Amino acid sequence: MNLRKLLAFGWSIGMAYALFSPGSNVPELPRFYGSDKLIHFGMFFGMAFLWSRVIRQRLKPEEREKSKNFTNYLVLWIFLAIFTEYLQVLVPGRSFDYLDITTNILGGTIGTVIFVYMNKKGSTLV
């Protein structure tokens, strides 16, 4: 397994742990207005960016510049953003929140858009 996949899988496992741990197991983090939303945004931003790197690596060189490939995965990030929030209802001490869905979608979308932009600019980070 290469480093890109390892980072993406590690991020995903950390996200799953954070999203699906019972509310009583969630560590106390510094709280300020919107801190929960910032965490949701960051998790989905990181997921979208890291998995986009893995996806890009698997594409043929002539397909790497086509944004439609990443549009398909953007739909996947949006689905995951909604689905994970619905699943939290099943976890003790966790709840469903429409604003969390919005923040999740925003994080995944911006992560993908920034990746596509960096990819077009030829950044070494992608």
C-alpha atoms as a PDB file:
ATOM      1  CA  MET A   1       0.000   0.000   0.000  1.00  0.00           C
ATOM      2  CA  ASN A   2       1.413   3.365  -0.939  1.00  0.00           C
ATOM      3  CA  LEU A   3       1.523   6.455   1.275  1.00  0.00           C
ATOM      4  CA  ARG A   4      -1.485   8.126  -0.395  1.00  0.00           C
ATOM      5  CA  LYS A   5      -3.729   5.141   0.291  1.00  0.00           C
ATOM      6  CA  LEU A   6      -2.379   4.795   3.807  1.00  0.00           C
ATOM      7  CA  LEU A   7      -3.171   8.441   4.592  1.00  0.00           C
ATOM      8  CA  ALA A   8      -6.658   8.200   3.066  1.00  0.00           C
ATOM      9  CA  PHE A   9      -7.480   4.963   4.912  1.00  0.00           C
ATOM     10  CA  GLY A  10      -6.085   6.341   8.167  1.00  0.00           C
ATOM     11  CA  TRP A  11      -8.150   9.511   7.796  1.00  0.00           C
ATOM     12  CA  SER A  12     -11.270   7.438   7.054  1.00  0.00           C
ATOM     13  CA  ILE A  13     -10.756   5.220  10.102  1.00  0.00           C
ATOM     14  CA  GLY A  14     -10.236   8.270  12.306  1.00  0.00           C
ATOM     15  CA  MET A  15     -13.367   9.860  10.873  1.00  0.00           C
ATOM     16  CA  ALA A  16     -15.434   6.725  11.449  1.00  0.00           C
ATOM     17  CA  TYR A  17     -14.223   6.570  15.039  1.00  0.00           C
ATOM     18  CA  ALA A  18     -15.015  10.244  15.616  1.00  0.00           C
ATOM     19  CA  LEU A  19     -18.429  10.120  13.955  1.00  0.00           C
ATOM     20  CA  PHE A  20     -19.670   6.838  15.398  1.00  0.00           C
ATOM     21  CA  SER A  21     -18.299   6.824  18.947  1.00  0.00           C
ATOM     22  CA  PRO A  22     -20.980   7.170  21.611  1.00  0.00           C
ATOM     23  CA  GLY A  23     -21.395  10.724  22.826  1.00  0.00           C
ATOM     24  CA  SER A  24     -19.962   9.799  26.234  1.00  0.00           C
ATOM     25  CA  ASN A  25     -16.693   8.664  24.576  1.00  0.00           C
ATOM     26  CA  VAL A  26     -16.116  11.883  22.652  1.00  0.00           C
ATOM     27  CA  PRO A  27     -13.211  13.777  24.237  1.00  0.00           C
ATOM     28  CA  GLU A  28     -13.791  17.279  25.490  1.00  0.00           C
ATOM     29  CA  LEU A  29     -12.375  19.694  22.961  1.00  0.00           C
ATOM     30  CA  PRO A  30     -12.055  23.435  23.328  1.00  0.00           C
ATOM     31  CA  ARG A  31     -15.582  24.699  22.777  1.00  0.00           C
ATOM     32  CA  PHE A  32     -16.474  27.894  21.031  1.00  0.00           C
ATOM     33  CA  TYR A  33     -19.389  28.854  18.850  1.00  0.00           C
ATOM     34  CA  GLY A  34     -19.251  26.701  15.729  1.00  0.00           C
ATOM     35  CA  SER A  35     -16.393  24.433  16.853  1.00  0.00           C
ATOM     36  CA  ASP A  36     -18.483  21.323  16.121  1.00  0.00           C
ATOM     37  CA  LYS A  37     -19.173  22.574  12.600  1.00  0.00           C
ATOM     38  CA  LEU A  38     -15.491  23.368  12.062  1.00  0.00           C
ATOM     39  CA  ILE A  39     -14.609  19.786  13.013  1.00  0.00           C
ATOM     40  CA  HIS A  40     -17.227  18.384  10.611  1.00  0.00           C
ATOM     41  CA  PHE A  41     -15.956  20.650   7.831  1.00  0.00           C
ATOM     42  CA  GLY A  42     -12.351  19.609   8.435  1.00  0.00           C
ATOM     43  CA  MET A  43     -13.121  15.900   8.496  1.00  0.00           C
ATOM     44  CA  PHE A  44     -14.955  15.947   5.165  1.00  0.00           C
ATOM     45  CA  PHE A  45     -12.506  18.388   3.573  1.00  0.00           C
ATOM     46  CA  GLY A  46      -9.630  16.063   4.459  1.00  0.00           C
ATOM     47  CA  MET A  47     -11.498  12.969   3.314  1.00  0.00           C
ATOM     48  CA  ALA A  48     -12.364  14.455  -0.073  1.00  0.00           C
ATOM     49  CA  PHE A  49      -8.870  15.834  -0.666  1.00  0.00           C
ATOM     50  CA  LEU A  50      -7.006  12.685   0.401  1.00  0.00           C
ATOM     51  CA  TRP A  51      -9.249  10.271  -1.493  1.00  0.00           C
ATOM     52  CA  SER A  52      -9.091  12.491  -4.594  1.00  0.00           C
ATOM     53  CA  ARG A  53      -5.311  12.039  -4.501  1.00  0.00           C
ATOM     54  CA  VAL A  54      -5.759   8.251  -4.449  1.00  0.00           C
ATOM     55  CA  ILE A  55      -8.309   8.376  -7.266  1.00  0.00           C
ATOM     56  CA  ARG A  56      -6.084  10.598  -9.412  1.00  0.00           C
ATOM     57  CA  GLN A  57      -3.190   8.173  -9.012  1.00  0.00           C
ATOM     58  CA  ARG A  58      -5.353   5.315 -10.300  1.00  0.00           C
ATOM     59  CA  LEU A  59      -6.476   7.192 -13.426  1.00  0.00           C
ATOM     60  CA  LYS A  60      -4.689   6.904 -16.737  1.00  0.00           C
ATOM     61  CA  PRO A  61      -2.509   9.967 -17.450  1.00  0.00           C
ATOM     62  CA  GLU A  62      -4.850  11.188 -20.214  1.00  0.00           C
ATOM     63  CA  GLU A  63      -7.839  11.039 -17.825  1.00  0.00           C
ATOM     64  CA  ARG A  64      -6.218  12.959 -14.957  1.00  0.00           C
ATOM     65  CA  GLU A  65      -7.164  16.386 -16.257  1.00  0.00           C
ATOM     66  CA  LYS A  66     -10.841  15.565 -16.789  1.00  0.00           C
ATOM     67  CA  SER A  67     -12.933  17.148 -14.053  1.00  0.00           C
ATOM     68  CA  LYS A  68     -15.855  14.812 -14.762  1.00  0.00           C
ATOM     69  CA  ASN A  69     -13.997  12.027 -12.980  1.00  0.00           C
ATOM     70  CA  PHE A  70     -13.949  14.071  -9.799  1.00  0.00           C
ATOM     71  CA  THR A  71     -17.547  15.214 -10.262  1.00  0.00           C
ATOM     72  CA  ASN A  72     -18.577  11.576  -9.909  1.00  0.00           C
ATOM     73  CA  TYR A  73     -16.674  11.313  -6.655  1.00  0.00           C
ATOM     74  CA  LEU A  74     -18.076  14.613  -5.438  1.00  0.00           C
ATOM     75  CA  VAL A  75     -21.484  12.938  -5.582  1.00  0.00           C
ATOM     76  CA  LEU A  76     -20.036  10.152  -3.420  1.00  0.00           C
ATOM     77  CA  TRP A  77     -18.741  12.643  -0.815  1.00  0.00           C
ATOM     78  CA  ILE A  78     -22.161  14.308  -0.690  1.00  0.00           C
ATOM     79  CA  PHE A  79     -23.862  10.941  -0.227  1.00  0.00           C
ATOM     80  CA  LEU A  80     -21.431  10.051   2.590  1.00  0.00           C
ATOM     81  CA  ALA A  81     -21.972  13.441   4.213  1.00  0.00           C
ATOM     82  CA  ILE A  82     -25.705  12.800   4.420  1.00  0.00           C
ATOM     83  CA  PHE A  83     -25.517   9.071   5.181  1.00  0.00           C
ATOM     84  CA  THR A  84     -23.077   9.419   8.089  1.00  0.00           C
ATOM     85  CA  GLU A  85     -25.278  12.017   9.735  1.00  0.00           C
ATOM     86  CA  TYR A  86     -28.309   9.740   9.461  1.00  0.00           C
ATOM     87  CA  LEU A  87     -26.316   6.866  10.969  1.00  0.00           C
ATOM     88  CA  GLN A  88     -25.398   8.974  13.995  1.00  0.00           C
ATOM     89  CA  VAL A  89     -29.009   8.652  15.168  1.00  0.00           C
ATOM     90  CA  LEU A  90     -28.226   4.996  15.926  1.00  0.00           C
ATOM     91  CA  VAL A  91     -25.266   5.889  18.175  1.00  0.00           C
ATOM     92  CA  PRO A  92     -26.027   6.533  21.870  1.00  0.00           C
ATOM     93  CA  GLY A  93     -25.504  10.155  22.854  1.00  0.00           C
ATOM     94  CA  ARG A  94     -25.308  11.367  19.235  1.00  0.00           C
ATOM     95  CA  SER A  95     -27.966  13.188  17.247  1.00  0.00           C
ATOM     96  CA  PHE A  96     -29.001  14.165  13.749  1.00  0.00           C
ATOM     97  CA  ASP A  97     -28.372  17.751  12.679  1.00  0.00           C
ATOM     98  CA  TYR A  98     -29.169  19.338   9.309  1.00  0.00           C
ATOM     99  CA  LEU A  99     -26.459  21.939   9.852  1.00  0.00           C
ATOM    100  CA  ASP A 100     -23.912  19.118  10.268  1.00  0.00           C
ATOM    101  CA  ILE A 101     -25.019  17.729   6.885  1.00  0.00           C
ATOM    102  CA  THR A 102     -24.569  21.153   5.330  1.00  0.00           C
ATOM    103  CA  THR A 103     -21.124  21.525   6.875  1.00  0.00           C
ATOM    104  CA  ASN A 104     -20.131  17.997   5.806  1.00  0.00           C
ATOM    105  CA  ILE A 105     -21.195  18.683   2.219  1.00  0.00           C
ATOM    106  CA  LEU A 106     -19.418  22.036   2.219  1.00  0.00           C
ATOM    107  CA  GLY A 107     -16.193  20.461   3.501  1.00  0.00           C
ATOM    108  CA  GLY A 108     -16.294  17.650   0.934  1.00  0.00           C
ATOM    109  CA  THR A 109     -17.139  20.012  -1.899  1.00  0.00           C
ATOM    110  CA  ILE A 110     -14.423  22.519  -1.078  1.00  0.00           C
ATOM    111  CA  GLY A 111     -11.895  19.723  -0.574  1.00  0.00           C
ATOM    112  CA  THR A 112     -12.705  18.371  -4.040  1.00  0.00           C
ATOM    113  CA  VAL A 113     -12.731  21.796  -5.702  1.00  0.00           C
ATOM    114  CA  ILE A 114      -9.357  22.709  -4.201  1.00  0.00           C
ATOM    115  CA  PHE A 115      -7.963  19.363  -5.299  1.00  0.00           C
ATOM    116  CA  VAL A 116      -9.196  19.855  -8.883  1.00  0.00           C
ATOM    117  CA  TYR A 117      -7.750  23.388  -8.925  1.00  0.00           C
ATOM    118  CA  MET A 118      -4.374  22.199  -7.601  1.00  0.00           C
ATOM    119  CA  ASN A 119      -4.400  19.320 -10.066  1.00  0.00           C
ATOM    120  CA  LYS A 120      -4.926  21.715 -13.000  1.00  0.00           C
ATOM    121  CA  LYS A 121      -2.131  23.963 -11.724  1.00  0.00           C
ATOM    122  CA  GLY A 122       0.231  20.968 -11.526  1.00  0.00           C
ATOM    123  CA  SER A 123       0.819  21.169  -7.766  1.00  0.00           C
ATOM    124  CA  THR A 124       3.148  18.585  -6.264  1.00  0.00           C
ATOM    125  CA  LEU A 125       0.654  18.054  -3.433  1.00  0.00           C
ATOM    126  CA  VAL A 126      -1.700  16.190  -5.732  1.00  0.00           C
END
